[in-house]
Protein backbone atom coordinates (compact mmCIF):
# COMPACT_ATOMS: atom_id res chain seq x y z
CA MET A 1 38.80 76.59 47.88
CA ALA A 2 41.47 77.64 45.26
CA ALA A 3 40.33 81.25 45.57
CA ALA A 4 40.69 81.28 49.34
CA TRP A 5 44.15 79.83 49.01
CA VAL A 6 45.21 82.53 46.76
CA ARG A 7 43.87 85.12 49.12
CA LEU A 8 45.80 83.56 51.98
CA CYS A 9 48.97 83.72 50.05
CA ALA A 10 48.29 87.35 49.12
CA LEU A 11 47.84 88.23 52.68
CA VAL A 12 51.13 86.57 53.69
CA LEU A 13 53.01 88.38 50.92
CA ILE A 14 51.58 91.74 51.91
CA GLY A 15 52.48 91.01 55.55
CA PHE A 16 56.16 90.36 54.53
CA SER A 17 56.30 93.42 52.44
CA SER A 18 54.83 95.52 55.22
CA THR A 19 57.42 94.27 57.64
CA SER A 20 60.17 95.01 55.15
CA ALA A 21 58.85 98.54 54.65
CA LEU A 22 58.68 99.19 58.51
CA ALA A 23 62.25 98.10 58.82
CA GLN A 24 63.41 100.50 56.04
CA ASP A 25 61.37 103.28 57.60
CA LYS A 26 62.66 102.61 61.13
CA THR A 27 64.41 105.71 62.63
CA PRO A 28 68.09 104.95 63.11
CA THR A 29 69.26 105.26 66.76
CA ALA A 30 72.72 106.44 68.21
CA ILE A 31 74.15 107.02 71.48
CA VAL A 32 76.80 109.69 72.12
CA VAL A 33 79.11 109.25 75.08
CA GLY A 34 80.59 112.52 76.18
CA GLY A 35 79.04 116.02 76.52
CA GLY A 36 82.06 118.11 75.38
CA LEU A 37 81.92 120.11 72.19
CA ALA A 38 82.96 117.01 70.11
CA GLY A 39 80.02 114.93 71.51
CA LEU A 40 77.58 117.91 71.19
CA THR A 41 78.55 118.39 67.66
CA ALA A 42 78.19 114.70 66.79
CA ALA A 43 74.74 114.47 68.41
CA TYR A 44 73.55 117.74 66.81
CA GLU A 45 74.56 116.61 63.36
CA LEU A 46 73.09 113.22 63.66
CA GLN A 47 69.74 114.50 65.01
CA ASN A 48 69.61 116.98 62.10
CA LYS A 49 69.81 113.98 59.63
CA GLY A 50 66.89 112.36 61.37
CA TRP A 51 68.47 110.10 63.88
CA GLN A 52 67.15 109.39 67.43
CA VAL A 53 70.17 110.49 69.51
CA THR A 54 70.73 109.98 73.33
CA LEU A 55 73.72 111.89 74.70
CA LEU A 56 75.26 110.63 77.96
CA GLU A 57 77.59 112.89 80.14
CA ALA A 58 79.36 111.77 83.29
CA LYS A 59 79.47 115.20 84.88
CA ALA A 60 76.61 117.47 85.94
CA GLY A 61 77.22 120.10 83.32
CA MET A 62 77.86 120.09 79.55
CA GLY A 63 80.72 121.59 77.52
CA GLY A 64 83.81 119.49 78.53
CA ARG A 65 87.08 121.15 79.23
CA SER A 66 86.11 124.86 79.43
CA GLY A 67 88.37 127.37 81.12
CA LEU A 68 87.94 129.96 83.72
CA ALA A 69 87.92 132.87 81.26
CA THR A 70 84.73 134.82 80.90
CA SER A 71 85.49 135.39 77.22
CA GLU A 72 87.74 133.81 74.59
CA TRP A 73 89.78 135.03 71.80
CA ILE A 74 88.79 133.16 68.67
CA GLY A 75 90.10 133.11 65.05
CA ASN A 76 88.53 134.26 61.86
CA GLY A 77 87.16 132.04 59.10
CA LYS A 78 90.76 131.35 57.81
CA ALA A 79 91.94 130.20 61.13
CA GLN A 80 88.87 128.47 62.61
CA PRO A 81 86.28 127.82 59.68
CA VAL A 82 84.22 125.23 61.45
CA LEU A 83 83.84 127.28 64.64
CA ASN A 84 82.85 130.37 62.68
CA GLN A 85 80.11 128.30 60.73
CA TYR A 86 78.50 127.23 64.12
CA LEU A 87 78.74 130.77 65.51
CA ASP A 88 76.87 132.01 62.43
CA ARG A 89 74.38 129.39 62.48
CA PHE A 90 73.55 129.86 66.21
CA LYS A 91 73.75 133.68 65.85
CA LEU A 92 76.22 134.03 68.64
CA GLU A 93 77.62 137.50 68.88
CA THR A 94 81.35 138.18 68.72
CA LEU A 95 83.31 141.49 69.24
CA PRO A 96 86.24 142.52 66.97
CA ALA A 97 89.46 142.20 68.77
CA PRO A 98 91.45 145.36 69.32
CA GLU A 99 94.64 145.62 67.26
CA PHE A 100 96.98 145.44 70.26
CA VAL A 101 95.84 142.03 71.31
CA ARG A 102 96.40 140.43 67.87
CA THR A 103 100.02 139.88 68.33
CA PRO A 104 101.82 138.20 71.28
CA GLY A 105 103.43 140.33 74.01
CA TYR A 106 106.38 139.68 76.30
CA LEU A 107 106.90 140.21 80.12
CA ILE A 108 110.66 140.21 80.54
CA ASP A 109 112.07 140.77 84.06
CA GLY A 110 108.96 142.66 85.04
CA GLU A 111 108.85 145.06 81.93
CA TYR A 112 106.22 144.65 79.24
CA PHE A 113 107.22 144.55 75.60
CA SER A 114 105.28 144.46 72.37
CA ALA A 115 106.92 142.80 69.40
CA ALA A 116 107.78 146.34 68.20
CA ASP A 117 109.34 147.21 71.60
CA LEU A 118 111.40 144.16 71.61
CA ALA A 119 113.05 144.84 68.42
CA VAL A 120 114.07 148.28 69.64
CA LYS A 121 114.91 147.67 73.15
CA GLN A 122 116.37 144.00 73.18
CA PRO A 123 117.50 143.51 69.58
CA ALA A 124 119.50 140.37 70.40
CA THR A 125 116.40 138.65 71.87
CA ALA A 126 114.26 139.75 68.90
CA GLU A 127 116.78 138.42 66.35
CA ALA A 128 116.99 135.11 68.24
CA LEU A 129 113.27 134.67 68.09
CA LYS A 130 113.31 135.40 64.44
CA ARG A 131 116.12 132.90 63.82
CA TYR A 132 114.06 130.32 65.70
CA GLU A 133 110.90 131.08 63.75
CA LYS A 134 112.89 130.87 60.50
CA THR A 135 114.34 127.48 61.26
CA LEU A 136 111.05 126.19 62.51
CA ASP A 137 109.44 127.46 59.23
CA ASP A 138 111.96 125.62 57.21
CA LEU A 139 111.36 122.44 59.10
CA ALA A 140 107.57 122.89 58.62
CA ARG A 141 107.97 123.49 54.87
CA SER A 142 109.58 120.16 54.40
CA ILE A 143 106.28 118.48 55.28
CA ASP A 144 104.32 118.44 52.06
CA ASP A 145 101.26 116.87 53.50
CA PRO A 146 100.35 117.59 57.20
CA LEU A 147 97.96 114.53 57.09
CA ASN A 148 101.01 112.35 56.31
CA PRO A 149 103.87 113.97 58.17
CA GLN A 150 105.90 110.71 58.32
CA ALA A 151 105.90 110.44 54.52
CA ASN A 152 109.59 109.48 54.17
CA SER A 153 112.26 107.95 56.23
CA THR A 154 113.91 111.35 56.94
CA LEU A 155 110.79 112.88 58.24
CA PHE A 156 109.96 109.71 60.26
CA ALA A 157 113.25 110.19 62.03
CA LEU A 158 112.04 113.52 63.49
CA ASP A 159 109.53 111.65 65.51
CA GLN A 160 112.37 110.12 67.44
CA ILE A 161 113.70 113.51 68.48
CA ASN A 162 112.25 115.74 71.18
CA VAL A 163 111.86 119.55 70.81
CA SER A 164 114.12 120.38 73.66
CA ASN A 165 117.03 118.50 71.92
CA TRP A 166 116.40 120.47 68.71
CA LEU A 167 116.30 123.73 70.63
CA ASP A 168 119.67 123.02 72.39
CA ARG A 169 121.27 122.77 68.88
CA LEU A 170 119.98 126.19 67.87
CA GLN A 171 122.24 127.70 70.71
CA LEU A 172 119.69 130.52 71.49
CA PRO A 173 120.44 133.34 74.04
CA ALA A 174 119.06 132.64 77.47
CA THR A 175 116.16 135.11 77.46
CA ALA A 176 115.03 134.01 73.83
CA ARG A 177 115.11 130.45 75.04
CA GLN A 178 113.16 131.09 78.17
CA LEU A 179 110.43 132.74 76.08
CA ILE A 180 110.42 130.10 73.44
CA ASN A 181 110.14 127.39 76.14
CA GLN A 182 107.23 129.30 77.64
CA GLN A 183 105.45 129.48 74.28
CA ILE A 184 105.83 125.78 73.52
CA ARG A 185 104.77 124.70 76.98
CA SER A 186 101.71 126.90 76.70
CA ARG A 187 100.50 125.52 73.37
CA TYR A 188 101.53 121.87 73.64
CA ASP A 189 103.63 120.57 76.58
CA GLU A 190 107.10 120.52 78.05
CA PRO A 191 109.59 120.75 75.06
CA SER A 192 111.41 117.61 76.23
CA ARG A 193 108.15 115.66 76.18
CA LEU A 194 107.28 116.71 72.69
CA SER A 195 107.83 114.95 69.42
CA LEU A 196 109.79 117.23 66.93
CA LEU A 197 107.76 115.81 64.08
CA TYR A 198 104.54 116.67 65.72
CA PHE A 199 105.68 120.24 66.53
CA ALA A 200 106.78 120.59 62.89
CA GLN A 201 103.48 119.16 61.55
CA GLN A 202 101.43 121.58 63.66
CA THR A 203 103.46 124.41 62.50
CA ARG A 204 102.87 123.24 59.01
CA VAL A 205 99.10 123.38 59.60
CA TYR A 206 99.24 127.00 60.82
CA ARG A 207 101.83 128.07 58.16
CA GLY A 208 100.45 131.11 56.44
CA VAL A 209 97.96 131.79 59.21
CA SER A 210 99.04 134.90 61.10
CA ASP A 211 98.57 135.82 64.84
CA ARG A 212 96.10 138.36 63.67
CA ASP A 213 93.95 135.63 62.11
CA LEU A 214 94.07 133.69 65.31
CA ARG A 215 92.90 136.47 67.55
CA ALA A 216 90.48 138.21 65.29
CA ALA A 217 87.45 138.43 67.74
CA ARG A 218 86.17 137.89 71.26
CA LEU A 219 83.45 135.51 72.12
CA PRO A 220 81.82 136.88 75.32
CA GLY A 221 81.13 133.98 77.72
CA GLY A 222 83.68 131.71 76.01
CA SER A 223 83.10 128.18 74.72
CA PRO A 224 80.29 127.49 77.38
CA VAL A 225 78.16 129.82 75.39
CA LEU A 226 78.60 127.71 72.26
CA ALA A 227 78.05 124.51 74.24
CA GLN A 228 74.68 125.80 75.50
CA ALA A 229 73.75 126.67 71.99
CA PHE A 230 74.16 122.93 71.12
CA VAL A 231 72.37 121.86 74.20
CA LYS A 232 69.23 123.89 73.34
CA GLN A 233 68.91 121.97 70.01
CA LEU A 234 69.25 118.50 71.43
CA LYS A 235 66.19 116.39 72.57
CA THR A 236 67.64 113.74 74.85
CA ILE A 237 70.50 114.41 77.17
CA LYS A 238 71.29 112.56 80.39
CA THR A 239 73.86 114.14 82.77
CA ASN A 240 75.55 112.41 85.77
CA ALA A 241 75.45 109.29 83.74
CA PRO A 242 79.02 107.88 83.64
CA VAL A 243 79.33 104.94 81.26
CA THR A 244 80.86 101.80 82.76
CA ALA A 245 80.43 99.20 80.02
CA ILE A 246 79.74 98.89 76.21
CA VAL A 247 78.77 95.77 74.47
CA GLN A 248 78.70 95.44 70.56
CA ASP A 249 76.79 92.71 68.82
CA LYS A 250 75.82 92.24 65.17
CA ASP A 251 72.55 94.15 65.67
CA GLY A 252 73.60 97.05 67.76
CA VAL A 253 75.30 98.51 70.86
CA THR A 254 74.42 98.36 74.46
CA VAL A 255 75.67 101.06 76.80
CA LYS A 256 75.61 100.56 80.54
CA VAL A 257 75.39 103.37 83.15
CA GLY A 258 75.24 101.80 86.49
CA ALA A 259 72.49 99.30 86.48
CA VAL A 260 70.66 101.06 83.56
CA GLY A 261 71.26 99.92 79.96
CA TYR A 262 70.76 102.08 76.77
CA ARG A 263 70.43 100.37 73.31
CA ALA A 264 71.11 101.83 69.94
CA ASP A 265 72.11 101.00 66.33
CA TYR A 266 75.55 102.89 66.66
CA LEU A 267 77.71 104.90 69.06
CA VAL A 268 79.86 107.89 69.11
CA MET A 269 82.64 107.67 71.69
CA ALA A 270 83.61 111.25 72.43
CA VAL A 271 85.60 111.08 75.61
CA PRO A 272 89.35 111.71 76.35
CA LEU A 273 91.63 108.64 76.18
CA ARG A 274 92.01 108.36 79.93
CA ALA A 275 88.27 108.22 80.30
CA LEU A 276 87.86 105.63 77.77
CA ALA A 277 90.36 103.42 79.62
CA LYS A 278 87.76 103.18 82.48
CA ILE A 279 85.03 101.80 80.25
CA GLN A 280 84.77 98.01 79.86
CA MET A 281 84.26 97.17 76.17
CA THR A 282 83.10 93.88 74.67
CA PRO A 283 84.65 92.88 72.51
CA GLY A 284 87.70 94.37 73.92
CA LEU A 285 90.05 96.83 72.20
CA ASP A 286 93.13 95.32 70.38
CA ASN A 287 96.67 95.85 71.77
CA GLN A 288 97.55 98.89 69.54
CA HIS A 289 94.39 100.74 70.70
CA MET A 290 95.13 99.90 74.42
CA ALA A 291 98.76 100.93 74.15
CA ALA A 292 97.68 104.31 72.64
CA ILE A 293 95.23 104.83 75.58
CA LYS A 294 97.98 104.32 78.12
CA GLY A 295 100.90 105.79 76.16
CA THR A 296 99.73 108.93 74.31
CA ASN A 297 101.06 111.97 75.77
CA TYR A 298 98.64 114.72 76.93
CA GLY A 299 99.84 118.41 77.71
CA TRP A 300 99.44 119.42 81.31
CA ARG A 301 97.62 122.40 82.52
CA ASP A 302 96.54 124.28 85.66
CA GLN A 303 94.68 127.64 85.44
CA ILE A 304 94.51 130.54 87.94
CA LEU A 305 92.11 133.51 87.65
CA LEU A 306 92.97 136.54 89.80
CA LYS A 307 90.31 139.11 90.38
CA PHE A 308 90.85 142.87 90.69
CA LYS A 309 88.41 145.60 91.52
CA GLN A 310 90.13 147.75 88.87
CA PRO A 311 93.05 147.35 86.47
CA VAL A 312 96.49 148.00 88.03
CA TRP A 313 98.56 147.57 84.93
CA GLU A 314 97.23 150.29 82.59
CA SER A 315 100.08 152.61 83.55
CA ARG A 316 102.66 150.04 82.42
CA ALA A 317 101.15 148.26 79.51
CA ARG A 318 97.78 147.48 77.74
CA MET A 319 98.22 143.76 78.31
CA SER A 320 96.05 141.32 76.65
CA GLY A 321 96.19 138.62 73.95
CA GLU A 322 98.87 136.23 74.74
CA ILE A 323 101.72 137.39 77.00
CA PHE A 324 104.77 135.15 77.54
CA SER A 325 107.02 135.76 80.47
CA ASN A 326 110.68 134.72 81.31
CA THR A 327 110.08 135.16 84.94
CA GLY A 328 107.72 132.25 85.40
CA LEU A 329 104.27 133.95 85.60
CA GLY A 330 102.99 131.48 82.94
CA MET A 331 101.22 132.51 79.79
CA LEU A 332 98.80 135.17 80.90
CA TRP A 333 96.19 137.50 79.49
CA ILE A 334 94.02 140.20 80.77
CA GLU A 335 90.25 140.51 80.37
CA PRO A 336 87.38 142.61 81.61
CA ALA A 337 85.35 141.08 84.34
CA LEU A 338 81.61 140.56 83.62
CA LYS A 339 80.54 142.50 86.66
CA GLY A 340 83.12 145.20 86.60
CA GLY A 341 86.88 145.25 87.45
CA ALA A 342 89.38 143.15 85.69
CA ASN A 343 90.81 139.52 85.64
CA VAL A 344 94.18 138.16 85.09
CA VAL A 345 94.01 134.56 83.71
CA ILE A 346 97.35 132.59 84.02
CA ASN A 347 97.90 129.21 82.59
CA LEU A 348 100.67 127.06 84.17
CA SER A 349 101.76 124.29 82.02
CA GLY A 350 104.16 121.47 81.28
CA ASP A 351 106.47 120.41 84.16
CA ASN A 352 105.47 123.40 86.29
CA ALA A 353 101.80 122.22 86.27
CA ARG A 354 103.16 118.74 87.25
CA LEU A 355 105.12 120.19 90.31
CA LEU A 356 102.23 122.26 91.46
CA GLN A 357 100.32 118.96 92.41
CA ALA A 358 102.13 119.41 95.75
CA PHE A 359 100.65 122.85 96.54
CA GLY A 360 97.25 124.01 97.75
CA ASP A 361 95.18 126.39 95.73
CA LYS A 362 95.56 129.35 98.04
CA GLN A 363 99.36 128.88 98.30
CA MET A 364 99.51 128.75 94.56
CA ALA A 365 97.44 131.92 94.10
CA ASP A 366 99.33 133.73 96.80
CA GLN A 367 102.67 133.03 95.20
CA VAL A 368 101.48 134.26 91.79
CA LEU A 369 100.01 137.42 93.48
CA ILE A 370 103.37 138.12 95.14
CA ARG A 371 105.16 137.97 91.90
CA LEU A 372 102.50 140.12 90.19
CA HIS A 373 102.63 142.66 92.97
CA ALA A 374 106.45 143.05 92.45
CA PHE A 375 105.67 144.27 88.91
CA TYR A 376 102.53 146.21 89.72
CA PRO A 377 102.62 147.63 93.31
CA LYS A 378 98.95 148.37 93.46
CA ALA A 379 98.04 144.74 92.70
CA ARG A 380 97.62 143.54 96.28
CA GLY A 381 95.35 146.50 97.20
CA ALA A 382 93.12 145.87 94.27
CA PHE A 383 93.00 142.15 94.59
CA THR A 384 89.60 140.68 95.50
CA GLY A 385 89.81 136.85 95.10
CA TYR A 386 90.76 134.03 92.98
CA GLU A 387 89.67 130.81 91.31
CA VAL A 388 91.79 127.78 90.28
CA LYS A 389 90.98 124.92 87.88
CA ARG A 390 93.17 121.78 88.37
CA TYR A 391 92.86 120.40 84.90
CA SER A 392 95.89 118.13 85.74
CA ALA A 393 93.86 116.62 88.58
CA ASP A 394 90.70 115.59 86.61
CA PRO A 395 90.85 111.73 86.57
CA GLY A 396 88.74 111.68 83.37
CA THR A 397 91.34 113.32 81.13
CA GLY A 398 94.76 112.73 82.48
CA GLY A 399 95.92 115.92 80.86
CA ALA A 400 94.80 118.93 79.01
CA TYR A 401 94.86 117.81 75.23
CA LEU A 402 96.80 115.47 73.13
CA ALA A 403 100.55 116.36 72.54
CA TYR A 404 102.35 113.54 70.82
CA GLY A 405 105.62 112.65 72.57
CA PRO A 406 108.67 111.22 70.81
CA GLY A 407 107.96 108.02 68.85
CA GLN A 408 104.10 108.28 69.30
CA ILE A 409 103.22 109.47 65.76
CA SER A 410 105.10 106.42 64.49
CA LYS A 411 102.76 104.20 66.52
CA TYR A 412 99.48 105.92 66.84
CA TRP A 413 99.14 108.53 63.94
CA ARG A 414 95.29 108.83 63.06
CA LEU A 415 94.58 105.56 64.99
CA TRP A 416 91.20 106.86 66.22
CA GLU A 417 89.97 108.31 62.99
CA ARG A 418 88.45 104.90 61.79
CA PRO A 419 85.41 103.16 63.44
CA LEU A 420 85.55 99.87 65.34
CA GLN A 421 82.54 97.87 64.16
CA ARG A 422 79.68 100.12 65.35
CA ILE A 423 81.65 102.71 67.25
CA SER A 424 83.01 105.85 65.91
CA PHE A 425 85.45 107.98 67.90
CA ALA A 426 85.35 111.97 68.35
CA GLY A 427 87.21 114.38 70.47
CA GLU A 428 90.12 116.80 69.91
CA HIS A 429 92.64 113.95 70.15
CA THR A 430 91.15 112.25 67.06
CA ASP A 431 91.64 115.32 64.77
CA ALA A 432 94.92 115.13 62.90
CA LEU A 433 94.95 118.88 61.89
CA TYR A 434 93.76 120.87 64.95
CA PRO A 435 94.26 118.58 68.00
CA GLY A 436 94.00 120.40 71.44
CA THR A 437 91.65 123.18 70.10
CA LEU A 438 88.01 124.06 69.86
CA GLU A 439 88.25 123.74 66.06
CA GLY A 440 89.50 120.17 66.33
CA ALA A 441 86.86 119.04 68.69
CA LEU A 442 84.13 120.50 66.40
CA ARG A 443 85.69 118.94 63.26
CA SER A 444 85.87 115.47 64.97
CA GLY A 445 82.28 115.57 65.92
CA GLN A 446 81.32 116.18 62.32
CA ARG A 447 83.53 113.37 61.09
CA ALA A 448 82.23 110.99 63.55
CA ALA A 449 78.53 111.76 62.70
CA GLY A 450 79.33 111.24 58.99
CA GLN A 451 81.02 107.97 59.76
CA VAL A 452 78.12 106.60 61.66
CA GLN A 453 75.81 107.50 58.72
CA ASP A 454 78.22 105.63 56.43
CA LEU A 455 78.08 102.59 58.58
CA LEU A 456 74.35 102.64 58.44
CA ALA A 457 74.61 102.78 54.70
CA GLY A 458 76.85 99.68 54.69
CA LYS A 459 80.20 101.30 54.13
CA SER A 460 83.11 99.29 55.52
CA PHE A 461 86.25 100.98 56.81
CA ASP A 462 89.68 99.52 56.42
CA PRO A 463 91.34 98.29 59.48
CA VAL A 464 93.77 100.59 61.05
CA LYS A 465 97.43 99.96 60.09
CA ALA A 466 100.42 100.96 62.16
CA VAL A 467 103.14 102.80 60.39
CA PRO A 468 105.90 100.19 59.80
CA ALA A 469 108.86 100.91 62.08
CA ALA A 470 111.09 99.50 59.32
CA ALA A 471 110.68 102.79 57.64
CA ALA A 472 113.22 104.23 60.08
CA ALA A 473 115.81 101.72 58.89
CA ALA A 474 116.60 103.70 55.82
CA THR A 475 116.75 106.95 57.84
CA GLY A 476 120.48 106.70 58.78
CA ALA A 477 121.55 106.61 55.03
CA ALA A 478 119.13 109.45 54.16
CA ALA A 479 120.28 111.54 57.08
CA ALA A 480 123.94 110.94 56.66
CA LYS A 481 123.76 112.69 53.22
CA GLY A 482 123.41 115.88 55.12
CA GLY A 483 121.39 118.76 53.57
CA PHE A 484 118.10 118.22 55.24
CA PHE A 485 119.41 117.89 58.85
CA SER A 486 122.11 120.38 58.28
CA ASN A 487 119.46 122.99 57.17
CA LEU A 488 117.24 121.81 60.06
CA PHE A 489 119.67 122.51 62.82
CA GLY A 490 121.36 125.44 61.04
CA GLY A 491 124.81 123.82 61.19
CA GLY A 492 127.29 122.37 58.82
CA ASP A 493 128.33 118.85 58.13
CA LYS A 494 128.94 118.17 61.80
CA ALA A 495 125.48 119.13 62.69
CA ALA A 496 124.15 116.79 60.08
CA LYS A 497 126.27 113.91 61.50
CA ALA A 498 125.06 114.61 65.08
CA ASP A 499 121.50 114.61 63.95
CA SER A 500 121.78 111.33 62.10
CA ALA A 501 122.11 109.48 65.31
CA PRO A 502 118.41 109.60 66.28
CA ALA A 503 117.57 108.66 62.75
CA LYS A 504 119.23 105.19 63.56
CA ASP A 505 116.65 104.79 66.49
CA GLU A 506 119.35 105.46 69.08
CA PRO A 507 118.08 107.14 72.26
CA VAL A 508 118.18 110.88 72.14
CA LYS A 509 120.47 112.33 74.90
CA ALA A 510 120.39 115.82 76.36
CA LYS A 511 123.35 117.94 75.53
CA ASP A 512 124.16 119.01 79.04
CA ALA A 513 123.42 117.50 82.34
CA GLU A 514 121.12 119.55 84.54
CA PRO A 515 122.62 121.22 87.53
CA ALA A 516 120.99 121.21 90.96
CA LYS A 517 117.84 123.22 90.81
CA PRO A 518 116.78 126.05 93.40
CA GLY A 519 113.57 126.09 95.14
CA PHE A 520 110.26 125.40 93.30
CA PHE A 521 108.85 129.00 93.27
CA SER A 522 112.22 130.42 92.48
CA ARG A 523 112.27 128.44 89.35
CA LEU A 524 108.58 128.94 88.73
CA PHE A 525 108.53 132.68 89.30
CA GLY A 526 112.05 134.01 89.56
CA GLY A 527 115.04 134.85 87.50
CA ALA A 528 116.46 133.05 84.48
CA GLU A 529 115.48 129.52 83.72
CA GLU A 530 117.67 126.68 84.74
CA PRO A 531 118.93 124.49 81.89
CA ALA A 532 116.21 122.61 80.07
CA ALA A 533 115.33 119.36 81.96
CA LYS A 534 117.22 116.41 80.49
CA PRO A 535 114.88 114.59 78.20
CA ALA A 536 114.03 111.05 78.87
CA PRO A 537 115.69 108.53 76.42
CA VAL A 538 113.48 107.92 73.50
CA ALA A 539 112.72 104.23 73.17
CA LYS A 540 113.17 102.58 69.78
CA PRO A 541 109.89 102.65 67.87
CA ALA A 542 108.54 99.15 68.45
CA GLU A 543 107.68 97.29 65.25
CA VAL A 544 103.90 96.96 65.21
CA ALA A 545 102.20 94.61 62.87
CA PRO A 546 99.21 95.86 61.01
CA VAL A 547 96.07 95.33 63.08
CA ALA A 548 93.80 92.85 61.77
CA PRO A 549 90.02 93.39 61.70
CA ALA A 550 88.47 92.80 65.00
CA PRO A 551 86.49 89.48 65.20
CA ALA A 552 82.73 89.74 64.86
CA PRO A 553 81.19 90.23 68.47
CA ALA A 554 78.97 87.46 69.72
CA PRO A 555 75.36 88.47 70.07
CA VAL A 556 74.18 89.98 73.37
CA VAL A 557 72.11 87.62 75.48
CA ALA A 558 69.06 88.82 77.38
CA PRO A 559 70.23 91.09 80.22
CA VAL A 560 73.28 93.10 79.72
CA PRO A 561 76.17 91.30 81.58
CA GLU A 562 77.93 92.98 84.37
CA PRO A 563 81.24 94.42 83.11
CA ALA A 564 84.13 92.08 83.61
CA ALA A 565 87.15 93.27 85.51
CA LYS A 566 87.89 96.80 84.25
CA PRO A 567 91.28 97.36 82.73
CA ALA A 568 93.25 99.29 85.44
CA PRO A 569 92.45 102.98 84.97
CA VAL A 570 95.42 104.83 83.68
CA LYS A 571 97.04 106.79 86.44
CA PRO A 572 98.64 109.81 85.08
CA ALA A 573 101.11 111.57 87.25
CA ALA A 574 98.07 113.67 87.94
CA SER A 575 95.32 114.10 85.54
CA LYS A 576 93.64 117.02 83.88
CA ALA A 577 91.55 118.79 81.38
CA ALA A 578 92.34 121.97 79.77
CA PRO A 579 91.24 124.92 77.96
CA ALA A 580 93.63 127.22 76.08
CA LYS A 581 97.15 126.55 75.24
CA HIS A 582 99.16 128.70 77.36
CA ALA A 583 101.60 128.21 80.32
CA PRO A 584 104.22 129.09 82.79
CA ALA A 585 107.91 129.08 82.32
CA HIS A 586 110.23 126.26 82.99
CA LYS A 587 113.62 127.52 81.95
CA PRO A 588 116.65 126.70 79.95
CA ALA A 589 120.24 127.51 80.61
CA ALA A 590 121.06 130.24 82.82
CA LYS A 591 124.27 130.31 80.98
CA SER A 592 124.54 126.83 79.21
CA GLU A 593 127.54 125.89 77.03
CA ALA A 594 125.13 126.59 74.16
CA ALA A 595 124.35 130.03 75.27
CA LYS A 596 128.06 130.92 75.92
CA LYS A 597 128.94 129.62 72.33
CA ALA A 598 125.97 131.76 71.02
CA GLU A 599 127.49 134.96 72.58
CA ASN A 600 130.97 134.33 71.11
CA LYS A 601 129.74 133.19 67.64
CA PRO A 602 126.98 135.07 66.15
CA ALA A 603 124.11 132.83 64.86
CA GLN A 604 123.80 132.31 61.14
CA ALA A 605 120.31 133.42 60.60
CA LYS A 606 118.91 133.69 57.01
CA LYS A 607 117.26 137.06 56.66
CA ALA A 608 114.06 135.72 55.48
CA PRO A 609 110.82 137.17 56.92
CA ALA A 610 109.72 135.06 59.77
CA LYS A 611 106.43 133.04 59.06
CA ALA A 612 103.51 132.87 61.45
CA GLU A 613 104.25 130.53 64.32
CA PRO A 614 101.80 127.85 65.19
CA VAL A 615 99.48 129.24 67.68
CA LYS A 616 96.91 127.44 69.62
CA LYS A 617 93.87 129.30 70.68
CA PRO A 618 93.86 130.50 74.26
CA ALA A 619 90.92 129.49 76.43
CA ALA A 620 89.13 128.76 73.07
CA SER A 621 90.74 125.29 73.40
CA SER A 622 87.91 123.65 75.32
CA GLN A 623 87.73 120.29 73.64
CA GLY A 624 85.25 117.37 74.13
């Protein structure tokens, strides 16, 4: 009897130990929401670590915000290290970039100029561009750590100023200001909508990286080729699967697609903020995250591809790379077509893209062709067709890519880098160093995959804390001392005093009122720019208390509940997705007071070599 009892106890103990071993050997599971390059990267990295991964994509195809270009200019290992690692891993072939495309070009009043041409034929414009680059580089140099740009109260104050206001104080000649506005729109958004601190931080990231590094090679087929290389590696992908609800509990995450539920241990959310707003989450996001979804600025983009049976511009210029125009043709570049002929790809960005919502695709393409034909008389005869991508009209993105507006770094900086319970976030908008780029999307996917593994291992992440708005209180005193702001705007004591105003959290006001504007297309494609649009007043940075850890979610009961009333989807003035950072031209002063003063009083430019400007990859900017 005693022997039988001992055997029974042994069997029970063996059963318990076997169950424990099975639990330890269980394959961890993850769901990735979003089939852009960020989501693809996260799914690929987790699967490589032995996870069972299901990727859900709302649209029919994978790859996220890819552009119309049939190839992309990409950077070398110095400019885009993660991208180059994946290209090597998947054995994707690239072609070396010709030397003439590795620095920007300019199309001024219908005439093409290389940087060297500009210095000889338009020395005043070339000098003004150098002065702008030098002042911008000085500003970037003041940021020691690009991961902590608002490290002190003086730098914190820059987040309350918009870039247009800063440019006004540089008193640039009209043509130079037009080209600079165009460049900033193309890579970020309208200068009046862009935080000066964010602009400086991005310049700091790319400081020491030359234009030649950023356009070192061409990737035939563009970012969709890389996306397909990831797709081939993944085992479980479900397209046409828009997620409507997510429920977290103590044991896992349930994701609902229509009436179908998917269950996993952890989740990677790799969708743009506007798409995230349409998903019902239980427990819900806190106020800070909800405010970030609705309030974070996205750059705007529309893209036109004009097709020609043969190049019509060879006699005038070997146009390629990035070309910035003062006549509103947008940021454009030329590329060979896959089936012969040639294509002109034009990015219209910023307020121009916003205004284009009122025009049909054919009308927009016709107007661009008319302007191109004026410069190149054979254009209309060689024209064979067009394609248009309205990134701005994509309800899932609400914009092209993240571009922090004034005051937004103070509220939302690196907010999406930390997981919330069992969810980790990915996407170009979650990368602090390379937002809005292919590199940023890939980096964010790697980070999110690593965080999910850390969560499985039991690591806890600190709750996200907002930057205390009180940090701005000391700004007035710091700025009043002059020095920093004096150097920042290239002025004397008066400039320093003027610049100290935003540091006290006062609304930033435009220097000059905007006169009546001519017709849309004359502004978009014709003559000199009108004065820069008056920037909206910058609201005081609200004081946000540190966010407490979210309460533990209640267990999920049997069937997945139908989502409660969804938070109203955010309605951007028009939505969009985007590829590269390039754009049209919205123009500054046709002869503003600043420009007149500049003509009478030579700018005090320091004769230091201009540093490389922050350049965001062209169509390579397909983020996920």
